[in-house]
Amino acid sequence: MTPSSVPEFAAALARDLRDYLALCEQALALAGEENQALNGGAEYPSFGFYQKRKGLLSGLESSLMKLRGWRQTWQQTDAAERARCSEVKPLFQAIQDLLMRVLLLDRENQQALLRRGLVPAGHLPLAAGQQQPHYVADLYRRNGGMPSSP
């Protein structure tokens, strides 16, 4: 990459990262809104949240495709040139932080959905006993039976 193209590259990458960051902020806001709805006593409007997630997904997909295109260029850029892209590193960090918050909040939302009985049975993981019906008996057999009492 030529020295004159580094500022152009950095500016374009930073623009696309800011766009992705904005979408991540929308995802966090939606997860927060859903969390409040799930933890409130009112009826949970599942279809409304589904529609909002679906709308956000298309924007995330197109933004992610842009970032995938930048990935190879970023990896091929010398470390010294990447260091001159001062806006990029904080944007990566901000995106990573936001995504972690979204994932944690989404996990809380999934647990709230389970408590309300709103997760379809096909989406629930199988219990260990269903996957391995004789698991506990085999475990006792391998470890010498019942533990001795003190």
N, C-alpha and C. Protein backbone atom coordinates (compact mmCIF):
# COMPACT_ATOMS: atom_id res chain seq x y z
N MET A 1 0.85 -1.17 0.00
CA MET A 1 0.00 0.00 0.00
C MET A 1 0.90 1.23 0.00
N THR A 2 0.58 2.21 -0.81
CA THR A 2 1.39 3.42 -0.91
C THR A 2 1.06 4.35 0.25
N PRO A 3 2.05 5.18 0.66
CA PRO A 3 1.80 6.09 1.79
C PRO A 3 0.60 7.02 1.57
N SER A 4 0.36 7.43 0.31
CA SER A 4 -0.77 8.33 0.07
C SER A 4 -2.11 7.61 0.20
N SER A 5 -2.11 6.28 0.01
CA SER A 5 -3.38 5.56 0.09
C SER A 5 -3.76 5.18 1.52
N VAL A 6 -2.82 5.28 2.46
CA VAL A 6 -3.11 4.93 3.85
C VAL A 6 -4.19 5.83 4.44
N PRO A 7 -4.11 7.16 4.29
CA PRO A 7 -5.20 7.97 4.86
C PRO A 7 -6.56 7.67 4.23
N GLU A 8 -6.59 7.42 2.93
CA GLU A 8 -7.85 7.09 2.27
C GLU A 8 -8.40 5.77 2.78
N PHE A 9 -7.52 4.78 2.89
CA PHE A 9 -7.89 3.47 3.41
C PHE A 9 -8.42 3.59 4.84
N ALA A 10 -7.67 4.32 5.68
CA ALA A 10 -8.06 4.47 7.08
C ALA A 10 -9.39 5.19 7.20
N ALA A 11 -9.60 6.21 6.40
CA ALA A 11 -10.85 6.97 6.47
C ALA A 11 -12.04 6.10 6.04
N ALA A 12 -11.86 5.33 4.98
CA ALA A 12 -12.95 4.46 4.50
C ALA A 12 -13.25 3.35 5.50
N LEU A 13 -12.20 2.74 6.03
CA LEU A 13 -12.38 1.68 7.03
C LEU A 13 -13.05 2.24 8.28
N ALA A 14 -12.59 3.39 8.75
CA ALA A 14 -13.17 4.01 9.94
C ALA A 14 -14.65 4.34 9.70
N ARG A 15 -15.00 4.81 8.52
CA ARG A 15 -16.39 5.10 8.20
C ARG A 15 -17.25 3.83 8.31
N ASP A 16 -16.75 2.72 7.72
CA ASP A 16 -17.51 1.48 7.78
C ASP A 16 -17.56 0.92 9.20
N LEU A 17 -16.51 1.11 9.97
CA LEU A 17 -16.52 0.67 11.38
C LEU A 17 -17.51 1.50 12.20
N ARG A 18 -17.58 2.80 11.93
CA ARG A 18 -18.56 3.64 12.63
C ARG A 18 -19.99 3.21 12.29
N ASP A 19 -20.21 2.87 11.03
CA ASP A 19 -21.54 2.38 10.62
C ASP A 19 -21.88 1.09 11.36
N TYR A 20 -20.90 0.18 11.46
CA TYR A 20 -21.13 -1.08 12.16
C TYR A 20 -21.35 -0.83 13.65
N LEU A 21 -20.59 0.10 14.21
CA LEU A 21 -20.75 0.46 15.62
C LEU A 21 -22.17 0.99 15.88
N ALA A 22 -22.68 1.79 14.97
CA ALA A 22 -24.04 2.32 15.12
C ALA A 22 -25.06 1.17 15.11
N LEU A 23 -24.85 0.19 14.24
CA LEU A 23 -25.75 -0.97 14.21
C LEU A 23 -25.65 -1.78 15.50
N CYS A 24 -24.44 -1.91 16.03
CA CYS A 24 -24.26 -2.61 17.31
C CYS A 24 -24.97 -1.87 18.44
N GLU A 25 -24.93 -0.54 18.39
CA GLU A 25 -25.65 0.26 19.39
C GLU A 25 -27.15 0.04 19.27
N GLN A 26 -27.65 -0.08 18.04
CA GLN A 26 -29.07 -0.37 17.84
C GLN A 26 -29.41 -1.76 18.39
N ALA A 27 -28.52 -2.72 18.19
CA ALA A 27 -28.75 -4.08 18.70
C ALA A 27 -28.78 -4.07 20.23
N LEU A 28 -27.88 -3.29 20.83
CA LEU A 28 -27.87 -3.19 22.29
C LEU A 28 -29.15 -2.53 22.80
N ALA A 29 -29.59 -1.48 22.12
CA ALA A 29 -30.82 -0.81 22.53
C ALA A 29 -32.02 -1.75 22.41
N LEU A 30 -32.06 -2.52 21.33
CA LEU A 30 -33.15 -3.48 21.14
C LEU A 30 -33.12 -4.56 22.21
N ALA A 31 -31.93 -5.07 22.53
CA ALA A 31 -31.81 -6.09 23.57
C ALA A 31 -32.22 -5.53 24.92
N GLY A 32 -31.88 -4.27 25.17
CA GLY A 32 -32.29 -3.63 26.43
C GLY A 32 -33.79 -3.44 26.50
N GLU A 33 -34.39 -3.03 25.40
CA GLU A 33 -35.84 -2.87 25.34
C GLU A 33 -36.54 -4.22 25.56
N GLU A 34 -35.98 -5.26 24.93
CA GLU A 34 -36.57 -6.59 25.09
C GLU A 34 -36.41 -7.08 26.52
N ASN A 35 -35.27 -6.77 27.13
CA ASN A 35 -35.03 -7.17 28.52
C ASN A 35 -36.05 -6.53 29.44
N GLN A 36 -36.34 -5.25 29.22
CA GLN A 36 -37.33 -4.56 30.05
C GLN A 36 -38.72 -5.17 29.85
N ALA A 37 -39.03 -5.51 28.61
CA ALA A 37 -40.34 -6.12 28.33
C ALA A 37 -40.46 -7.50 28.98
N LEU A 38 -39.37 -8.25 28.95
CA LEU A 38 -39.40 -9.60 29.53
C LEU A 38 -39.46 -9.56 31.05
N ASN A 39 -38.82 -8.58 31.65
CA ASN A 39 -38.78 -8.51 33.11
C ASN A 39 -39.93 -7.71 33.70
N GLY A 40 -40.72 -7.09 32.84
CA GLY A 40 -41.90 -6.39 33.30
C GLY A 40 -43.06 -7.37 33.45
N GLY A 41 -44.10 -6.94 34.03
CA GLY A 41 -45.23 -7.84 34.26
C GLY A 41 -46.20 -7.91 33.11
N ALA A 42 -46.01 -7.06 32.11
CA ALA A 42 -46.97 -6.99 31.00
C ALA A 42 -46.76 -8.12 30.01
N GLU A 43 -47.68 -8.20 29.08
CA GLU A 43 -47.59 -9.18 27.98
C GLU A 43 -46.33 -8.91 27.16
N TYR A 44 -45.63 -9.96 26.79
CA TYR A 44 -44.41 -9.83 26.00
C TYR A 44 -44.77 -9.88 24.51
N PRO A 45 -44.50 -8.80 23.76
CA PRO A 45 -44.84 -8.76 22.33
C PRO A 45 -43.77 -9.44 21.48
N SER A 46 -43.76 -10.76 21.47
CA SER A 46 -42.68 -11.50 20.81
C SER A 46 -42.58 -11.21 19.32
N PHE A 47 -43.70 -11.09 18.62
CA PHE A 47 -43.65 -10.86 17.18
C PHE A 47 -43.05 -9.48 16.87
N GLY A 48 -43.35 -8.50 17.69
CA GLY A 48 -42.78 -7.17 17.49
C GLY A 48 -41.27 -7.17 17.60
N PHE A 49 -40.76 -7.89 18.59
CA PHE A 49 -39.30 -7.97 18.74
C PHE A 49 -38.68 -8.80 17.62
N TYR A 50 -39.38 -9.81 17.19
CA TYR A 50 -38.90 -10.61 16.06
C TYR A 50 -38.75 -9.73 14.82
N GLN A 51 -39.75 -8.90 14.54
CA GLN A 51 -39.71 -8.02 13.38
C GLN A 51 -38.55 -7.02 13.50
N LYS A 52 -38.35 -6.46 14.68
CA LYS A 52 -37.25 -5.51 14.88
C LYS A 52 -35.90 -6.18 14.69
N ARG A 53 -35.74 -7.40 15.22
CA ARG A 53 -34.47 -8.13 15.05
C ARG A 53 -34.24 -8.44 13.59
N LYS A 54 -35.30 -8.85 12.90
CA LYS A 54 -35.19 -9.19 11.48
C LYS A 54 -34.76 -7.96 10.67
N GLY A 55 -35.32 -6.81 10.98
CA GLY A 55 -34.94 -5.58 10.30
C GLY A 55 -33.50 -5.19 10.56
N LEU A 56 -33.06 -5.37 11.77
CA LEU A 56 -31.68 -5.06 12.13
C LEU A 56 -30.69 -6.03 11.49
N LEU A 57 -31.11 -7.26 11.33
CA LEU A 57 -30.24 -8.29 10.78
C LEU A 57 -29.77 -7.97 9.37
N SER A 58 -30.64 -7.46 8.54
CA SER A 58 -30.22 -7.16 7.16
C SER A 58 -29.15 -6.08 7.14
N GLY A 59 -29.28 -5.07 7.99
CA GLY A 59 -28.25 -4.04 8.08
C GLY A 59 -26.94 -4.59 8.60
N LEU A 60 -27.02 -5.46 9.59
CA LEU A 60 -25.80 -6.06 10.15
C LEU A 60 -25.09 -6.93 9.10
N GLU A 61 -25.87 -7.67 8.33
CA GLU A 61 -25.27 -8.54 7.31
C GLU A 61 -24.54 -7.73 6.25
N SER A 62 -25.15 -6.66 5.75
CA SER A 62 -24.49 -5.87 4.71
C SER A 62 -23.26 -5.16 5.26
N SER A 63 -23.34 -4.68 6.49
CA SER A 63 -22.19 -4.02 7.10
C SER A 63 -21.06 -5.02 7.34
N LEU A 64 -21.42 -6.20 7.76
CA LEU A 64 -20.41 -7.23 8.00
C LEU A 64 -19.71 -7.63 6.70
N MET A 65 -20.44 -7.67 5.62
CA MET A 65 -19.83 -7.98 4.32
C MET A 65 -18.80 -6.92 3.95
N LYS A 66 -19.09 -5.67 4.21
CA LYS A 66 -18.13 -4.60 3.94
C LYS A 66 -16.87 -4.81 4.78
N LEU A 67 -17.07 -5.13 6.05
CA LEU A 67 -15.92 -5.31 6.95
C LEU A 67 -15.09 -6.52 6.55
N ARG A 68 -15.73 -7.56 6.06
CA ARG A 68 -14.98 -8.72 5.57
C ARG A 68 -14.09 -8.33 4.40
N GLY A 69 -14.57 -7.43 3.57
CA GLY A 69 -13.77 -6.94 2.46
C GLY A 69 -12.55 -6.17 2.94
N TRP A 70 -12.69 -5.44 4.02
CA TRP A 70 -11.56 -4.68 4.57
C TRP A 70 -10.55 -5.57 5.29
N ARG A 71 -10.97 -6.71 5.75
CA ARG A 71 -10.11 -7.56 6.58
C ARG A 71 -8.80 -7.91 5.88
N GLN A 72 -8.87 -8.36 4.65
CA GLN A 72 -7.66 -8.77 3.94
C GLN A 72 -6.73 -7.58 3.74
N THR A 73 -7.29 -6.45 3.37
CA THR A 73 -6.46 -5.26 3.19
C THR A 73 -5.80 -4.87 4.51
N TRP A 74 -6.54 -4.93 5.60
CA TRP A 74 -6.00 -4.59 6.93
C TRP A 74 -4.87 -5.54 7.30
N GLN A 75 -5.05 -6.82 7.06
CA GLN A 75 -4.03 -7.80 7.42
C GLN A 75 -2.78 -7.66 6.56
N GLN A 76 -2.93 -7.18 5.32
CA GLN A 76 -1.77 -7.03 4.43
C GLN A 76 -1.05 -5.70 4.64
N THR A 77 -1.63 -4.82 5.41
CA THR A 77 -1.02 -3.52 5.68
C THR A 77 0.06 -3.69 6.74
N ASP A 78 1.19 -3.02 6.53
CA ASP A 78 2.28 -3.08 7.51
C ASP A 78 1.82 -2.56 8.86
N ALA A 79 2.42 -3.11 9.91
CA ALA A 79 2.05 -2.71 11.27
C ALA A 79 2.29 -1.21 11.49
N ALA A 80 3.35 -0.69 10.92
CA ALA A 80 3.64 0.74 11.07
C ALA A 80 2.55 1.59 10.42
N GLU A 81 2.09 1.16 9.26
CA GLU A 81 1.01 1.89 8.58
C GLU A 81 -0.30 1.76 9.34
N ARG A 82 -0.55 0.57 9.90
CA ARG A 82 -1.77 0.37 10.69
C ARG A 82 -1.75 1.26 11.92
N ALA A 83 -0.57 1.44 12.50
CA ALA A 83 -0.45 2.28 13.69
C ALA A 83 -0.81 3.73 13.39
N ARG A 84 -0.63 4.14 12.14
CA ARG A 84 -0.98 5.52 11.75
C ARG A 84 -2.49 5.68 11.62
N CYS A 85 -3.21 4.61 11.60
CA CYS A 85 -4.68 4.65 11.51
C CYS A 85 -5.23 4.75 12.93
N SER A 86 -5.05 5.91 13.54
CA SER A 86 -5.34 6.07 14.97
C SER A 86 -6.81 5.89 15.33
N GLU A 87 -7.73 6.11 14.42
CA GLU A 87 -9.15 6.01 14.74
C GLU A 87 -9.64 4.56 14.71
N VAL A 88 -8.93 3.69 14.00
CA VAL A 88 -9.41 2.33 13.78
C VAL A 88 -9.37 1.49 15.05
N LYS A 89 -8.28 1.51 15.77
CA LYS A 89 -8.14 0.66 16.96
C LYS A 89 -9.21 0.97 18.02
N PRO A 90 -9.47 2.24 18.35
CA PRO A 90 -10.55 2.50 19.32
C PRO A 90 -11.93 2.06 18.82
N LEU A 91 -12.14 2.13 17.51
CA LEU A 91 -13.41 1.66 16.97
C LEU A 91 -13.55 0.16 17.12
N PHE A 92 -12.47 -0.58 16.84
CA PHE A 92 -12.50 -2.02 17.04
C PHE A 92 -12.81 -2.34 18.50
N GLN A 93 -12.18 -1.62 19.43
CA GLN A 93 -12.39 -1.87 20.85
C GLN A 93 -13.83 -1.55 21.26
N ALA A 94 -14.35 -0.44 20.76
CA ALA A 94 -15.72 -0.07 21.08
C ALA A 94 -16.72 -1.10 20.56
N ILE A 95 -16.47 -1.60 19.35
CA ILE A 95 -17.35 -2.63 18.77
C ILE A 95 -17.28 -3.89 19.61
N GLN A 96 -16.08 -4.28 19.98
CA GLN A 96 -15.92 -5.50 20.79
C GLN A 96 -16.64 -5.35 22.13
N ASP A 97 -16.50 -4.21 22.77
CA ASP A 97 -17.17 -3.98 24.05
C ASP A 97 -18.69 -4.02 23.91
N LEU A 98 -19.19 -3.38 22.86
CA LEU A 98 -20.64 -3.38 22.64
C LEU A 98 -21.16 -4.78 22.35
N LEU A 99 -20.44 -5.53 21.54
CA LEU A 99 -20.88 -6.89 21.22
C LEU A 99 -20.93 -7.76 22.46
N MET A 100 -19.97 -7.60 23.35
CA MET A 100 -19.99 -8.38 24.60
C MET A 100 -21.22 -8.02 25.43
N ARG A 101 -21.55 -6.73 25.49
CA ARG A 101 -22.72 -6.30 26.24
C ARG A 101 -24.00 -6.85 25.61
N VAL A 102 -24.06 -6.85 24.28
CA VAL A 102 -25.23 -7.39 23.58
C VAL A 102 -25.38 -8.88 23.88
N LEU A 103 -24.26 -9.61 23.82
CA LEU A 103 -24.31 -11.05 24.08
C LEU A 103 -24.77 -11.36 25.50
N LEU A 104 -24.25 -10.61 26.47
CA LEU A 104 -24.66 -10.83 27.86
C LEU A 104 -26.14 -10.53 28.07
N LEU A 105 -26.59 -9.44 27.48
CA LEU A 105 -28.00 -9.08 27.62
C LEU A 105 -28.88 -10.08 26.89
N ASP A 106 -28.43 -10.54 25.74
CA ASP A 106 -29.20 -11.55 25.01
C ASP A 106 -29.30 -12.84 25.82
N ARG A 107 -28.25 -13.20 26.50
CA ARG A 107 -28.30 -14.40 27.35
C ARG A 107 -29.32 -14.23 28.46
N GLU A 108 -29.33 -13.04 29.07
CA GLU A 108 -30.34 -12.77 30.10
C GLU A 108 -31.74 -12.87 29.51
N ASN A 109 -31.91 -12.36 28.30
CA ASN A 109 -33.22 -12.41 27.64
C ASN A 109 -33.63 -13.85 27.36
N GLN A 110 -32.69 -14.68 26.93
CA GLN A 110 -33.01 -16.08 26.68
C GLN A 110 -33.46 -16.77 27.98
N GLN A 111 -32.78 -16.47 29.07
CA GLN A 111 -33.17 -17.05 30.36
C GLN A 111 -34.56 -16.58 30.78
N ALA A 112 -34.85 -15.30 30.53
CA ALA A 112 -36.19 -14.77 30.86
C ALA A 112 -37.25 -15.43 29.98
N LEU A 113 -36.93 -15.66 28.72
CA LEU A 113 -37.87 -16.36 27.83
C LEU A 113 -38.13 -17.77 28.34
N LEU A 114 -37.09 -18.44 28.80
CA LEU A 114 -37.26 -19.79 29.36
C LEU A 114 -38.16 -19.75 30.60
N ARG A 115 -37.92 -18.77 31.47
CA ARG A 115 -38.75 -18.67 32.67
C ARG A 115 -40.22 -18.44 32.32
N ARG A 116 -40.47 -17.71 31.27
CA ARG A 116 -41.85 -17.44 30.84
C ARG A 116 -42.42 -18.58 30.00
N GLY A 117 -41.59 -19.55 29.65
CA GLY A 117 -42.04 -20.67 28.83
C GLY A 117 -42.26 -20.28 27.38
N LEU A 118 -41.51 -19.31 26.90
CA LEU A 118 -41.70 -18.81 25.55
C LEU A 118 -40.70 -19.34 24.53
N VAL A 119 -39.81 -20.23 24.94
CA VAL A 119 -38.86 -20.82 24.01
C VAL A 119 -39.44 -22.13 23.51
N PRO A 120 -39.54 -22.28 22.19
CA PRO A 120 -40.09 -23.54 21.65
C PRO A 120 -39.25 -24.74 22.08
N ALA A 121 -39.90 -25.87 22.30
CA ALA A 121 -39.21 -27.07 22.78
C ALA A 121 -38.08 -27.50 21.86
N GLY A 122 -38.21 -27.27 20.57
CA GLY A 122 -37.16 -27.65 19.63
C GLY A 122 -35.88 -26.85 19.79
N HIS A 123 -35.96 -25.70 20.48
CA HIS A 123 -34.78 -24.87 20.68
C HIS A 123 -34.09 -25.12 22.01
N LEU A 124 -34.65 -25.98 22.83
CA LEU A 124 -34.04 -26.29 24.13
C LEU A 124 -32.98 -27.37 23.95
N PRO A 125 -31.83 -27.22 24.64
CA PRO A 125 -30.82 -28.28 24.55
C PRO A 125 -31.30 -29.53 25.27
N LEU A 126 -30.88 -30.67 24.77
CA LEU A 126 -31.24 -31.92 25.42
C LEU A 126 -30.49 -32.06 26.73
N ALA A 127 -31.12 -32.60 27.72
CA ALA A 127 -30.46 -32.84 28.99
C ALA A 127 -29.46 -33.97 28.83
N ALA A 128 -28.43 -33.99 29.68
CA ALA A 128 -27.39 -35.04 29.59
C ALA A 128 -28.00 -36.42 29.73
N GLY A 129 -29.04 -36.52 30.54
CA GLY A 129 -29.68 -37.82 30.73
C GLY A 129 -30.37 -38.32 29.47
N GLN A 130 -30.88 -37.41 28.66
CA GLN A 130 -31.52 -37.82 27.42
C GLN A 130 -30.48 -38.22 26.38
N GLN A 131 -29.32 -37.56 26.40
CA GLN A 131 -28.27 -37.88 25.45
C GLN A 131 -27.57 -39.18 25.83
N GLN A 132 -27.39 -39.41 27.12
CA GLN A 132 -26.74 -40.61 27.63
C GLN A 132 -27.60 -41.17 28.76
N PRO A 133 -28.54 -42.05 28.45
CA PRO A 133 -29.52 -42.47 29.44
C PRO A 133 -28.93 -43.13 30.69
N HIS A 134 -27.81 -43.81 30.58
CA HIS A 134 -27.23 -44.50 31.73
C HIS A 134 -26.00 -43.78 32.27
N TYR A 135 -25.94 -42.48 32.06
CA TYR A 135 -24.76 -41.70 32.44
C TYR A 135 -24.45 -41.80 33.93
N VAL A 136 -25.45 -41.59 34.77
CA VAL A 136 -25.21 -41.59 36.22
C VAL A 136 -24.82 -43.00 36.69
N ALA A 137 -25.51 -44.02 36.21
CA ALA A 137 -25.17 -45.39 36.61
C ALA A 137 -23.75 -45.74 36.17
N ASP A 138 -23.39 -45.37 34.95
CA ASP A 138 -22.02 -45.63 34.47
C ASP A 138 -20.99 -44.86 35.28
N LEU A 139 -21.33 -43.65 35.66
CA LEU A 139 -20.42 -42.85 36.47
C LEU A 139 -20.17 -43.51 37.82
N TYR A 140 -21.22 -44.01 38.48
CA TYR A 140 -21.06 -44.71 39.75
C TYR A 140 -20.22 -45.98 39.56
N ARG A 141 -20.48 -46.72 38.51
CA ARG A 141 -19.75 -47.96 38.26
C ARG A 141 -18.26 -47.69 38.06
N ARG A 142 -17.93 -46.64 37.30
CA ARG A 142 -16.52 -46.31 37.05
C ARG A 142 -15.80 -45.85 38.30
N ASN A 143 -16.52 -45.19 39.19
CA ASN A 143 -15.89 -44.61 40.37
C ASN A 143 -16.11 -45.41 41.64
N GLY A 144 -16.48 -46.65 41.51
CA GLY A 144 -16.55 -47.53 42.68
C GLY A 144 -17.81 -47.42 43.49
N GLY A 145 -18.89 -47.00 42.93
CA GLY A 145 -20.16 -47.00 43.65
C GLY A 145 -20.42 -45.73 44.41
N MET A 146 -21.24 -45.85 45.45
CA MET A 146 -21.68 -44.71 46.23
C MET A 146 -20.52 -44.15 47.05
N PRO A 147 -20.47 -42.86 47.22
CA PRO A 147 -19.43 -42.28 48.07
C PRO A 147 -19.68 -42.68 49.51
N SER A 148 -18.58 -42.89 50.24
CA SER A 148 -18.72 -43.30 51.64
C SER A 148 -19.07 -42.10 52.47
N SER A 149 -19.87 -42.34 53.53
CA SER A 149 -20.27 -41.24 54.40
C SER A 149 -19.20 -41.01 55.47
N PRO A 150 -19.04 -39.80 55.92
CA PRO A 150 -18.00 -39.46 56.90
C PRO A 150 -18.23 -40.03 58.26
